[in-house]
């Protein structure tokens, strides 16, 4: 397997796993904002954060797999697993953080 193939595989798998995380935490944020009157600004801000997460994590997986293989001379399969794990973990953390950003923005808009 070449470096480019390993990078593509890690990027696609990460995109699918982060998409699941984004969907779960996106719905979780909507459920948390159910009682707020003007929650549209908070939901839009949260979905913007989720979109950025969904774009950045596969790019990180691509670069990380390429770097691990070329610079550290790891096995391709091990590099794919490590890059998918790290990028998915980061994506899940950012998705969880975006849910709190939704709550903070909704609370700030309620107080103003």
PDB file of N, CA and C in Angstrom:
ATOM      1  N   UNK A   1       0.857  -1.161   0.000  1.00  0.00           N
ATOM      2  CA  UNK A   1       0.000   0.000   0.000  1.00  0.00           C
ATOM      3  C   UNK A   1       0.912   1.236   0.000  1.00  0.00           C
ATOM      4  N   UNK A   2       0.601   2.178  -0.862  1.00  0.00           N
ATOM      5  CA  UNK A   2       1.422   3.376  -0.953  1.00  0.00           C
ATOM      6  C   UNK A   2       1.021   4.392   0.120  1.00  0.00           C
ATOM      7  N   UNK A   3       1.815   5.424   0.240  1.00  0.00           N
ATOM      8  CA  UNK A   3       1.549   6.473   1.228  1.00  0.00           C
ATOM      9  C   UNK A   3       0.253   7.199   0.898  1.00  0.00           C
ATOM     10  N   UNK A   4       0.027   7.442  -0.393  1.00  0.00           N
ATOM     11  CA  UNK A   4      -1.186   8.157  -0.796  1.00  0.00           C
ATOM     12  C   UNK A   4      -2.441   7.333  -0.506  1.00  0.00           C
ATOM     13  N   UNK A   5      -2.397   6.043  -0.744  1.00  0.00           N
ATOM     14  CA  UNK A   5      -3.540   5.175  -0.465  1.00  0.00           C
ATOM     15  C   UNK A   5      -3.835   5.123   1.028  1.00  0.00           C
ATOM     16  N   UNK A   6      -2.796   5.021   1.841  1.00  0.00           N
ATOM     17  CA  UNK A   6      -2.986   4.996   3.295  1.00  0.00           C
ATOM     18  C   UNK A   6      -3.570   6.317   3.783  1.00  0.00           C
ATOM     19  N   UNK A   7      -3.130   7.424   3.212  1.00  0.00           N
ATOM     20  CA  UNK A   7      -3.657   8.726   3.610  1.00  0.00           C
ATOM     21  C   UNK A   7      -5.121   8.877   3.211  1.00  0.00           C
ATOM     22  N   UNK A   8      -5.476   8.394   2.032  1.00  0.00           N
ATOM     23  CA  UNK A   8      -6.871   8.469   1.581  1.00  0.00           C
ATOM     24  C   UNK A   8      -7.759   7.607   2.469  1.00  0.00           C
ATOM     25  N   UNK A   9      -7.312   6.406   2.792  1.00  0.00           N
ATOM     26  CA  UNK A   9      -8.101   5.514   3.648  1.00  0.00           C
ATOM     27  C   UNK A   9      -8.304   6.133   5.024  1.00  0.00           C
ATOM     28  N   UNK A  10      -7.256   6.681   5.605  1.00  0.00           N
ATOM     29  CA  UNK A  10      -7.396   7.274   6.937  1.00  0.00           C
ATOM     30  C   UNK A  10      -8.291   8.503   6.897  1.00  0.00           C
ATOM     31  N   UNK A  11      -8.238   9.264   5.834  1.00  0.00           N
ATOM     32  CA  UNK A  11      -9.079  10.450   5.722  1.00  0.00           C
ATOM     33  C   UNK A  11     -10.553  10.086   5.574  1.00  0.00           C
ATOM     34  N   UNK A  12     -10.862   9.095   4.757  1.00  0.00           N
ATOM     35  CA  UNK A  12     -12.251   8.694   4.539  1.00  0.00           C
ATOM     36  C   UNK A  12     -12.845   8.060   5.793  1.00  0.00           C
ATOM     37  N   UNK A  13     -12.086   7.182   6.431  1.00  0.00           N
ATOM     38  CA  UNK A  13     -12.594   6.536   7.649  1.00  0.00           C
ATOM     39  C   UNK A  13     -12.803   7.567   8.754  1.00  0.00           C
ATOM     40  N   UNK A  14     -11.883   8.499   8.873  1.00  0.00           N
ATOM     41  CA  UNK A  14     -12.035   9.556   9.872  1.00  0.00           C
ATOM     42  C   UNK A  14     -13.252  10.424   9.566  1.00  0.00           C
ATOM     43  N   UNK A  15     -13.459  10.755   8.301  1.00  0.00           N
ATOM     44  CA  UNK A  15     -14.618  11.570   7.937  1.00  0.00           C
ATOM     45  C   UNK A  15     -15.921  10.873   8.312  1.00  0.00           C
ATOM     46  N   UNK A  16     -16.001   9.574   8.087  1.00  0.00           N
ATOM     47  CA  UNK A  16     -17.226   8.839   8.439  1.00  0.00           C
ATOM     48  C   UNK A  16     -17.429   8.764   9.950  1.00  0.00           C
ATOM     49  N   UNK A  17     -16.364   8.501  10.686  1.00  0.00           N
ATOM     50  CA  UNK A  17     -16.497   8.410  12.141  1.00  0.00           C
ATOM     51  C   UNK A  17     -16.803   9.771  12.772  1.00  0.00           C
ATOM     52  N   UNK A  18     -16.172  10.816  12.267  1.00  0.00           N
ATOM     53  CA  UNK A  18     -16.438  12.155  12.797  1.00  0.00           C
ATOM     54  C   UNK A  18     -17.844  12.613  12.403  1.00  0.00           C
ATOM     55  N   UNK A  19     -18.327  12.190  11.241  1.00  0.00           N
ATOM     56  CA  UNK A  19     -19.693  12.519  10.840  1.00  0.00           C
ATOM     57  C   UNK A  19     -20.705  11.944  11.827  1.00  0.00           C
ATOM     58  N   UNK A  20     -20.474  10.733  12.284  1.00  0.00           N
ATOM     59  CA  UNK A  20     -21.359  10.133  13.289  1.00  0.00           C
ATOM     60  C   UNK A  20     -21.321  10.946  14.577  1.00  0.00           C
ATOM     61  N   UNK A  21     -20.125  11.333  14.994  1.00  0.00           N
ATOM     62  CA  UNK A  21     -19.977  12.144  16.204  1.00  0.00           C
ATOM     63  C   UNK A  21     -20.646  13.509  16.055  1.00  0.00           C
ATOM     64  N   UNK A  22     -20.487  14.129  14.890  1.00  0.00           N
ATOM     65  CA  UNK A  22     -21.096  15.442  14.646  1.00  0.00           C
ATOM     66  C   UNK A  22     -22.611  15.346  14.675  1.00  0.00           C
ATOM     67  N   UNK A  23     -23.159  14.301  14.101  1.00  0.00           N
ATOM     68  CA  UNK A  23     -24.624  14.125  14.101  1.00  0.00           C
ATOM     69  C   UNK A  23     -25.136  13.926  15.526  1.00  0.00           C
ATOM     70  N   UNK A  24     -24.460  13.105  16.299  1.00  0.00           N
ATOM     71  CA  UNK A  24     -24.898  12.834  17.672  1.00  0.00           C
ATOM     72  C   UNK A  24     -24.844  14.098  18.524  1.00  0.00           C
ATOM     73  N   UNK A  25     -23.714  14.815  18.480  1.00  0.00           N
ATOM     74  CA  UNK A  25     -23.593  16.005  19.313  1.00  0.00           C
ATOM     75  C   UNK A  25     -24.391  17.179  18.752  1.00  0.00           C
ATOM     76  N   UNK A  26     -24.657  17.197  17.458  1.00  0.00           N
ATOM     77  CA  UNK A  26     -25.532  18.226  16.890  1.00  0.00           C
ATOM     78  C   UNK A  26     -26.956  18.072  17.391  1.00  0.00           C
ATOM     79  N   UNK A  27     -27.460  16.845  17.370  1.00  0.00           N
ATOM     80  CA  UNK A  27     -28.792  16.609  17.917  1.00  0.00           C
ATOM     81  C   UNK A  27     -28.828  16.833  19.422  1.00  0.00           C
ATOM     82  N   UNK A  28     -27.745  16.482  20.106  1.00  0.00           N
ATOM     83  CA  UNK A  28     -27.666  16.730  21.545  1.00  0.00           C
ATOM     84  C   UNK A  28     -27.734  18.214  21.862  1.00  0.00           C
ATOM     85  N   UNK A  29     -27.059  19.028  21.067  1.00  0.00           N
ATOM     86  CA  UNK A  29     -27.126  20.483  21.258  1.00  0.00           C
ATOM     87  C   UNK A  29     -28.506  21.034  21.001  1.00  0.00           C
ATOM     88  N   UNK A  30     -29.183  20.507  19.988  1.00  0.00           N
ATOM     89  CA  UNK A  30     -30.548  20.957  19.705  1.00  0.00           C
ATOM     90  C   UNK A  30     -31.486  20.582  20.847  1.00  0.00           C
ATOM     91  N   UNK A  31     -31.313  19.394  21.394  1.00  0.00           N
ATOM     92  CA  UNK A  31     -32.144  18.969  22.526  1.00  0.00           C
ATOM     93  C   UNK A  31     -31.869  19.837  23.747  1.00  0.00           C
ATOM     94  N   UNK A  32     -30.609  20.175  23.982  1.00  0.00           N
ATOM     95  CA  UNK A  32     -30.283  21.033  25.122  1.00  0.00           C
ATOM     96  C   UNK A  32     -30.845  22.439  24.972  1.00  0.00           C
ATOM     97  N   UNK A  33     -30.971  22.915  23.752  1.00  0.00           N
ATOM     98  CA  UNK A  33     -31.476  24.272  23.512  1.00  0.00           C
ATOM     99  C   UNK A  33     -32.980  24.308  23.305  1.00  0.00           C
ATOM    100  N   UNK A  34     -33.668  23.252  23.657  1.00  0.00           N
ATOM    101  CA  UNK A  34     -35.094  23.160  23.404  1.00  0.00           C
ATOM    102  C   UNK A  34     -35.897  24.224  24.150  1.00  0.00           C
ATOM    103  N   UNK A  35     -35.469  24.627  25.329  1.00  0.00           N
ATOM    104  CA  UNK A  35     -36.242  25.563  26.118  1.00  0.00           C
ATOM    105  C   UNK A  35     -35.963  27.032  25.846  1.00  0.00           C
ATOM    106  N   UNK A  36     -34.935  27.335  25.087  1.00  0.00           N
ATOM    107  CA  UNK A  36     -34.578  28.730  24.823  1.00  0.00           C
ATOM    108  C   UNK A  36     -35.448  29.303  23.715  1.00  0.00           C
ATOM    109  N   UNK A  37     -35.835  30.576  23.898  1.00  0.00           N
ATOM    110  CA  UNK A  37     -36.684  31.229  22.903  1.00  0.00           C
ATOM    111  C   UNK A  37     -35.932  31.544  21.622  1.00  0.00           C
ATOM    112  N   UNK A  38     -34.790  32.203  21.725  1.00  0.00           N
ATOM    113  CA  UNK A  38     -34.023  32.605  20.548  1.00  0.00           C
ATOM    114  C   UNK A  38     -32.787  31.727  20.418  1.00  0.00           C
ATOM    115  N   UNK A  39     -33.005  30.470  20.106  1.00  0.00           N
ATOM    116  CA  UNK A  39     -31.902  29.522  20.029  1.00  0.00           C
ATOM    117  C   UNK A  39     -31.326  29.424  18.624  1.00  0.00           C
ATOM    118  N   UNK A  40     -31.845  30.176  17.672  1.00  0.00           N
ATOM    119  CA  UNK A  40     -31.384  30.035  16.298  1.00  0.00           C
ATOM    120  C   UNK A  40     -29.942  30.498  16.121  1.00  0.00           C
ATOM    121  N   UNK A  41     -29.548  31.560  16.813  1.00  0.00           N
ATOM    122  CA  UNK A  41     -28.161  32.037  16.724  1.00  0.00           C
ATOM    123  C   UNK A  41     -27.215  31.002  17.328  1.00  0.00           C
ATOM    124  N   UNK A  42     -27.609  30.417  18.437  1.00  0.00           N
ATOM    125  CA  UNK A  42     -26.770  29.416  19.093  1.00  0.00           C
ATOM    126  C   UNK A  42     -26.648  28.155  18.245  1.00  0.00           C
ATOM    127  N   UNK A  43     -27.737  27.744  17.623  1.00  0.00           N
ATOM    128  CA  UNK A  43     -27.696  26.551  16.774  1.00  0.00           C
ATOM    129  C   UNK A  43     -26.827  26.804  15.545  1.00  0.00           C
ATOM    130  N   UNK A  44     -26.959  27.978  14.945  1.00  0.00           N
ATOM    131  CA  UNK A  44     -26.124  28.303  13.783  1.00  0.00           C
ATOM    132  C   UNK A  44     -24.642  28.348  14.158  1.00  0.00           C
ATOM    133  N   UNK A  45     -24.332  28.920  15.311  1.00  0.00           N
ATOM    134  CA  UNK A  45     -22.939  28.955  15.769  1.00  0.00           C
ATOM    135  C   UNK A  45     -22.420  27.548  16.033  1.00  0.00           C
ATOM    136  N   UNK A  46     -23.216  26.732  16.662  1.00  0.00           N
ATOM    137  CA  UNK A  46     -22.808  25.357  16.937  1.00  0.00           C
ATOM    138  C   UNK A  46     -22.614  24.543  15.674  1.00  0.00           C
ATOM    139  N   UNK A  47     -23.511  24.714  14.703  1.00  0.00           N
ATOM    140  CA  UNK A  47     -23.363  23.977  13.451  1.00  0.00           C
ATOM    141  C   UNK A  47     -22.170  24.473  12.639  1.00  0.00           C
ATOM    142  N   UNK A  48     -21.827  25.748  12.776  1.00  0.00           N
ATOM    143  CA  UNK A  48     -20.611  26.244  12.130  1.00  0.00           C
ATOM    144  C   UNK A  48     -19.381  25.570  12.748  1.00  0.00           C
ATOM    145  N   UNK A  49     -19.378  25.442  14.075  1.00  0.00           N
ATOM    146  CA  UNK A  49     -18.271  24.744  14.746  1.00  0.00           C
ATOM    147  C   UNK A  49     -18.219  23.276  14.332  1.00  0.00           C
ATOM    148  N   UNK A  50     -19.378  22.642  14.206  1.00  0.00           N
ATOM    149  CA  UNK A  50     -19.414  21.243  13.791  1.00  0.00           C
ATOM    150  C   UNK A  50     -18.942  21.082  12.351  1.00  0.00           C
ATOM    151  N   UNK A  51     -19.279  22.037  11.502  1.00  0.00           N
ATOM    152  CA  UNK A  51     -18.813  21.988  10.118  1.00  0.00           C
ATOM    153  C   UNK A  51     -17.312  22.131  10.014  1.00  0.00           C
ATOM    154  N   UNK A  52     -16.752  23.025  10.810  1.00  0.00           N
ATOM    155  CA  UNK A  52     -15.295  23.191  10.829  1.00  0.00           C
ATOM    156  C   UNK A  52     -14.630  21.906  11.335  1.00  0.00           C
ATOM    157  N   UNK A  53     -15.226  21.284  12.325  1.00  0.00           N
ATOM    158  CA  UNK A  53     -14.711  20.015  12.836  1.00  0.00           C
ATOM    159  C   UNK A  53     -14.738  18.947  11.755  1.00  0.00           C
ATOM    160  N   UNK A  54     -15.827  18.904  11.009  1.00  0.00           N
ATOM    161  CA  UNK A  54     -15.982  17.892   9.967  1.00  0.00           C
ATOM    162  C   UNK A  54     -15.013  18.110   8.809  1.00  0.00           C
ATOM    163  N   UNK A  55     -14.551  19.324   8.620  1.00  0.00           N
ATOM    164  CA  UNK A  55     -13.579  19.612   7.565  1.00  0.00           C
ATOM    165  C   UNK A  55     -12.146  19.377   8.051  1.00  0.00           C
ATOM    166  N   UNK A  56     -11.839  19.804   9.266  1.00  0.00           N
ATOM    167  CA  UNK A  56     -10.459  19.762   9.743  1.00  0.00           C
ATOM    168  C   UNK A  56      -9.965  18.361  10.122  1.00  0.00           C
ATOM    169  N   UNK A  57     -10.835  17.529  10.667  1.00  0.00           N
ATOM    170  CA  UNK A  57     -10.374  16.218  11.145  1.00  0.00           C
ATOM    171  C   UNK A  57      -9.905  15.284  10.025  1.00  0.00           C
ATOM    172  N   UNK A  58     -10.607  15.171   8.892  1.00  0.00           N
ATOM    173  CA  UNK A  58     -10.047  14.350   7.809  1.00  0.00           C
ATOM    174  C   UNK A  58      -8.741  14.909   7.234  1.00  0.00           C
ATOM    175  N   UNK A  59      -8.612  16.239   7.215  1.00  0.00           N
ATOM    176  CA  UNK A  59      -7.356  16.830   6.759  1.00  0.00           C
ATOM    177  C   UNK A  59      -6.230  16.457   7.719  1.00  0.00           C
ATOM    178  N   UNK A  60      -6.508  16.505   9.019  1.00  0.00           N
ATOM    179  CA  UNK A  60      -5.512  16.100  10.008  1.00  0.00           C
ATOM    180  C   UNK A  60      -5.142  14.634   9.844  1.00  0.00           C
ATOM    181  N   UNK A  61      -6.131  13.779   9.586  1.00  0.00           N
ATOM    182  CA  UNK A  61      -5.846  12.351   9.401  1.00  0.00           C
ATOM    183  C   UNK A  61      -4.976  12.128   8.172  1.00  0.00           C
ATOM    184  N   UNK A  62      -5.251  12.866   7.098  1.00  0.00           N
ATOM    185  CA  UNK A  62      -4.453  12.757   5.878  1.00  0.00           C
ATOM    186  C   UNK A  62      -2.991  13.112   6.152  1.00  0.00           C
ATOM    187  N   UNK A  63      -2.787  14.272   6.768  1.00  0.00           N
ATOM    188  CA  UNK A  63      -1.429  14.758   7.024  1.00  0.00           C
ATOM    189  C   UNK A  63      -0.714  13.884   8.052  1.00  0.00           C
ATOM    190  N   UNK A  64      -1.436  13.463   9.066  1.00  0.00           N
ATOM    191  CA  UNK A  64      -0.824  12.645  10.108  1.00  0.00           C
ATOM    192  C   UNK A  64      -0.382  11.289   9.577  1.00  0.00           C
ATOM    193  N   UNK A  65      -1.217  10.644   8.776  1.00  0.00           N
ATOM    194  CA  UNK A  65      -0.827   9.347   8.215  1.00  0.00           C
ATOM    195  C   UNK A  65       0.371   9.497   7.288  1.00  0.00           C
ATOM    196  N   UNK A  66       0.360  10.539   6.477  1.00  0.00           N
ATOM    197  CA  UNK A  66       1.480  10.781   5.557  1.00  0.00           C
ATOM    198  C   UNK A  66       2.775  11.052   6.318  1.00  0.00           C
ATOM    199  N   UNK A  67       2.681  11.833   7.388  1.00  0.00           N
ATOM    200  CA  UNK A  67       3.860  12.165   8.181  1.00  0.00           C
ATOM    201  C   UNK A  67       4.392  10.954   8.934  1.00  0.00           C
ATOM    202  N   UNK A  68       3.508  10.188   9.511  1.00  0.00           N
ATOM    203  CA  UNK A  68       3.944   9.012  10.276  1.00  0.00           C
ATOM    204  C   UNK A  68       4.641   8.009   9.369  1.00  0.00           C
ATOM    205  N   UNK A  69       4.106   7.818   8.180  1.00  0.00           N
ATOM    206  CA  UNK A  69       4.710   6.838   7.276  1.00  0.00           C
ATOM    207  C   UNK A  69       6.037   7.338   6.724  1.00  0.00           C
ATOM    208  N   UNK A  70       6.058   8.580   6.258  1.00  0.00           N
ATOM    209  CA  UNK A  70       7.262   9.057   5.584  1.00  0.00           C
ATOM    210  C   UNK A  70       8.382   9.468   6.549  1.00  0.00           C
ATOM    211  N   UNK A  71       8.036  10.099   7.648  1.00  0.00           N
ATOM    212  CA  UNK A  71       9.070  10.607   8.538  1.00  0.00           C
ATOM    213  C   UNK A  71       9.533   9.572   9.567  1.00  0.00           C
ATOM    214  N   UNK A  72       8.587   8.846  10.128  1.00  0.00           N
ATOM    215  CA  UNK A  72       8.935   7.899  11.187  1.00  0.00           C
ATOM    216  C   UNK A  72       9.060   6.462  10.695  1.00  0.00           C
ATOM    217  N   UNK A  73       8.727   6.204   9.428  1.00  0.00           N
ATOM    218  CA  UNK A  73       8.864   4.891   8.787  1.00  0.00           C
ATOM    219  C   UNK A  73       8.077   3.799   9.513  1.00  0.00           C
ATOM    220  N   UNK A  74       6.849   4.130   9.886  1.00  0.00           N
ATOM    221  CA  UNK A  74       5.972   3.145  10.503  1.00  0.00           C
ATOM    222  C   UNK A  74       5.330   2.289   9.431  1.00  0.00           C
ATOM    223  N   UNK A  75       4.749   1.191   9.856  1.00  0.00           N
ATOM    224  CA  UNK A  75       3.956   0.354   8.973  1.00  0.00           C
ATOM    225  C   UNK A  75       2.721   1.142   8.523  1.00  0.00           C
ATOM    226  N   UNK A  76       2.294   0.936   7.288  1.00  0.00           N
ATOM    227  CA  UNK A  76       1.163   1.707   6.750  1.00  0.00           C
ATOM    228  C   UNK A  76      -0.132   1.455   7.514  1.00  0.00           C
ATOM    229  N   UNK A  77      -0.386   0.217   7.851  1.00  0.00           N
ATOM    230  CA  UNK A  77      -1.633  -0.113   8.549  1.00  0.00           C
ATOM    231  C   UNK A  77      -1.634   0.488   9.953  1.00  0.00           C
ATOM    232  N   UNK A  78      -0.518   0.409  10.634  1.00  0.00           N
ATOM    233  CA  UNK A  78      -0.418   1.000  11.970  1.00  0.00           C
ATOM    234  C   UNK A  78      -0.564   2.519  11.911  1.00  0.00           C
ATOM    235  N   UNK A  79       0.017   3.126  10.902  1.00  0.00           N
ATOM    236  CA  UNK A  79      -0.104   4.573  10.739  1.00  0.00           C
ATOM    237  C   UNK A  79      -1.544   4.986  10.465  1.00  0.00           C
ATOM    238  N   UNK A  80      -2.266   4.203   9.686  1.00  0.00           N
ATOM    239  CA  UNK A  80      -3.676   4.490   9.419  1.00  0.00           C
ATOM    240  C   UNK A  80      -4.485   4.385  10.703  1.00  0.00           C
ATOM    241  N   UNK A  81      -4.265   3.325  11.479  1.00  0.00           N
ATOM    242  CA  UNK A  81      -5.007   3.169  12.733  1.00  0.00           C
ATOM    243  C   UNK A  81      -4.727   4.312  13.704  1.00  0.00           C
ATOM    244  N   UNK A  82      -3.472   4.683  13.834  1.00  0.00           N
ATOM    245  CA  UNK A  82      -3.116   5.757  14.765  1.00  0.00           C
ATOM    246  C   UNK A  82      -3.708   7.085  14.312  1.00  0.00           C
ATOM    247  N   UNK A  83      -3.612   7.389  13.027  1.00  0.00           N
ATOM    248  CA  UNK A  83      -4.136   8.671  12.547  1.00  0.00           C
ATOM    249  C   UNK A  83      -5.656   8.722  12.632  1.00  0.00           C
ATOM    250  N   UNK A  84      -6.329   7.618  12.360  1.00  0.00           N
ATOM    251  CA  UNK A  84      -7.791   7.586  12.497  1.00  0.00           C
ATOM    252  C   UNK A  84      -8.191   7.745  13.955  1.00  0.00           C
ATOM    253  N   UNK A  85      -7.504   7.070  14.852  1.00  0.00           N
ATOM    254  CA  UNK A  85      -7.827   7.162  16.277  1.00  0.00           C
ATOM    255  C   UNK A  85      -7.640   8.579  16.803  1.00  0.00           C
ATOM    256  N   UNK A  86      -6.489   9.172  16.492  1.00  0.00           N
ATOM    257  CA  UNK A  86      -6.195  10.525  16.995  1.00  0.00           C
ATOM    258  C   UNK A  86      -7.162  11.542  16.406  1.00  0.00           C
ATOM    259  N   UNK A  87      -7.421  11.458  15.116  1.00  0.00           N
ATOM    260  CA  UNK A  87      -8.305  12.433  14.467  1.00  0.00           C
ATOM    261  C   UNK A  87      -9.753  12.269  14.919  1.00  0.00           C
ATOM    262  N   UNK A  88     -10.193  11.043  15.102  1.00  0.00           N
ATOM    263  CA  UNK A  88     -11.557  10.818  15.585  1.00  0.00           C
ATOM    264  C   UNK A  88     -11.700  11.269  17.027  1.00  0.00           C
ATOM    265  N   UNK A  89     -10.695  11.040  17.835  1.00  0.00           N
ATOM    266  CA  UNK A  89     -10.723  11.506  19.221  1.00  0.00           C
ATOM    267  C   UNK A  89     -10.785  13.030  19.274  1.00  0.00           C
ATOM    268  N   UNK A  90     -10.000  13.682  18.442  1.00  0.00           N
ATOM    269  CA  UNK A  90     -10.044  15.142  18.371  1.00  0.00           C
ATOM    270  C   UNK A  90     -11.402  15.625  17.865  1.00  0.00           C
ATOM    271  N   UNK A  91     -11.946  14.965  16.862  1.00  0.00           N
ATOM    272  CA  UNK A  91     -13.256  15.345  16.330  1.00  0.00           C
ATOM    273  C   UNK A  91     -14.374  15.178  17.343  1.00  0.00           C
ATOM    274  N   UNK A  92     -14.311  14.109  18.119  1.00  0.00           N
ATOM    275  CA  UNK A  92     -15.314  13.903  19.166  1.00  0.00           C
ATOM    276  C   UNK A  92     -15.196  14.970  20.243  1.00  0.00           C
ATOM    277  N   UNK A  93     -13.980  15.309  20.608  1.00  0.00           N
ATOM    278  CA  UNK A  93     -13.778  16.372  21.604  1.00  0.00           C
ATOM    279  C   UNK A  93     -14.254  17.721  21.108  1.00  0.00           C
ATOM    280  N   UNK A  94     -13.975  18.040  19.857  1.00  0.00           N
ATOM    281  CA  UNK A  94     -14.442  19.311  19.296  1.00  0.00           C
ATOM    282  C   UNK A  94     -15.962  19.338  19.147  1.00  0.00           C
ATOM    283  N   UNK A  95     -16.564  18.204  18.817  1.00  0.00           N
ATOM    284  CA  UNK A  95     -18.026  18.136  18.727  1.00  0.00           C
ATOM    285  C   UNK A  95     -18.664  18.342  20.095  1.00  0.00           C
ATOM    286  N   UNK A  96     -18.069  17.739  21.110  1.00  0.00           N
ATOM    287  CA  UNK A  96     -18.560  17.919  22.471  1.00  0.00           C
ATOM    288  C   UNK A  96     -18.414  19.375  22.912  1.00  0.00           C
ATOM    289  N   UNK A  97     -17.292  19.986  22.536  1.00  0.00           N
ATOM    290  CA  UNK A  97     -17.066  21.393  22.868  1.00  0.00           C
ATOM    291  C   UNK A  97     -18.048  22.303  22.147  1.00  0.00           C
ATOM    292  N   UNK A  98     -18.389  21.972  20.926  1.00  0.00           N
ATOM    293  CA  UNK A  98     -19.341  22.808  20.183  1.00  0.00           C
ATOM    294  C   UNK A  98     -20.732  22.771  20.813  1.00  0.00           C
ATOM    295  N   UNK A  99     -21.056  21.674  21.479  1.00  0.00           N
ATOM    296  CA  UNK A  99     -22.328  21.608  22.188  1.00  0.00           C
ATOM    297  C   UNK A  99     -22.337  22.611  23.339  1.00  0.00           C
ATOM    298  N   UNK A 100     -21.217  22.744  24.034  1.00  0.00           N
ATOM    299  CA  UNK A 100     -21.134  23.736  25.099  1.00  0.00           C
ATOM    300  C   UNK A 100     -21.090  25.155  24.547  1.00  0.00           C
ATOM    301  N   UNK A 101     -20.500  25.327  23.383  1.00  0.00           N
ATOM    302  CA  UNK A 101     -20.511  26.648  22.744  1.00  0.00           C
ATOM    303  C   UNK A 101     -21.935  27.056  22.421  1.00  0.00           C
ATOM    304  N   UNK A 102     -22.751  26.101  21.975  1.00  0.00           N
ATOM    305  CA  UNK A 102     -24.177  26.393  21.728  1.00  0.00           C
ATOM    306  C   UNK A 102     -24.861  26.904  22.990  1.00  0.00           C
ATOM    307  N   UNK A 103     -24.585  26.249  24.098  1.00  0.00           N
ATOM    308  CA  UNK A 103     -25.220  26.636  25.359  1.00  0.00           C
ATOM    309  C   UNK A 103     -24.746  28.016  25.802  1.00  0.00           C
ATOM    310  N   UNK A 104     -23.449  28.287  25.671  1.00  0.00           N
ATOM    311  CA  UNK A 104     -22.909  29.586  26.075  1.00  0.00           C
ATOM    312  C   UNK A 104     -23.476  30.713  25.222  1.00  0.00           C
ATOM    313  N   UNK A 105     -23.568  30.495  23.922  1.00  0.00           N
ATOM    314  CA  UNK A 105     -24.115  31.533  23.030  1.00  0.00           C
ATOM    315  C   UNK A 105     -25.603  31.746  23.313  1.00  0.00           C
ATOM    316  N   UNK A 106     -26.338  30.675  23.572  1.00  0.00           N
ATOM    317  CA  UNK A 106     -27.761  30.821  23.882  1.00  0.00           C
ATOM    318  C   UNK A 106     -27.966  31.586  25.199  1.00  0.00           C
ATOM    319  N   UNK A 107     -27.144  31.281  26.171  1.00  0.00           N
ATOM    320  CA  UNK A 107     -27.237  31.998  27.462  1.00  0.00           C
ATOM    321  C   UNK A 107     -26.857  33.464  27.303  1.00  0.00           C
ATOM    322  N   UNK A 108     -25.843  33.761  26.496  1.00  0.00           N
ATOM    323  CA  UNK A 108     -25.448  35.141  26.262  1.00  0.00           C
ATOM    324  C   UNK A 108     -26.526  35.911  25.504  1.00  0.00           C
ATOM    325  N   UNK A 109     -27.166  35.272  24.541  1.00  0.00           N
ATOM    326  CA  UNK A 109     -28.237  35.954  23.805  1.00  0.00           C
ATOM    327  C   UNK A 109     -29.476  36.140  24.656  1.00  0.00           C
ATOM    328  N   UNK A 110     -29.687  35.250  25.620  1.00  0.00           N
ATOM    329  CA  UNK A 110     -30.826  35.388  26.521  1.00  0.00           C
ATOM    330  C   UNK A 110     -30.626  36.555  27.477  1.00  0.00           C
ATOM    331  N   UNK A 111     -29.393  36.741  27.936  1.00  0.00           N
ATOM    332  CA  UNK A 111     -29.105  37.820  28.905  1.00  0.00           C
ATOM    333  C   UNK A 111     -29.015  39.185  28.249  1.00  0.00           C
ATOM    334  N   UNK A 112     -28.807  39.250  26.955  1.00  0.00           N
ATOM    335  CA  UNK A 112     -28.675  40.561  26.316  1.00  0.00           C
ATOM    336  C   UNK A 112     -30.004  41.119  25.823  1.00  0.00           C
TER     337      UNK A 112
END
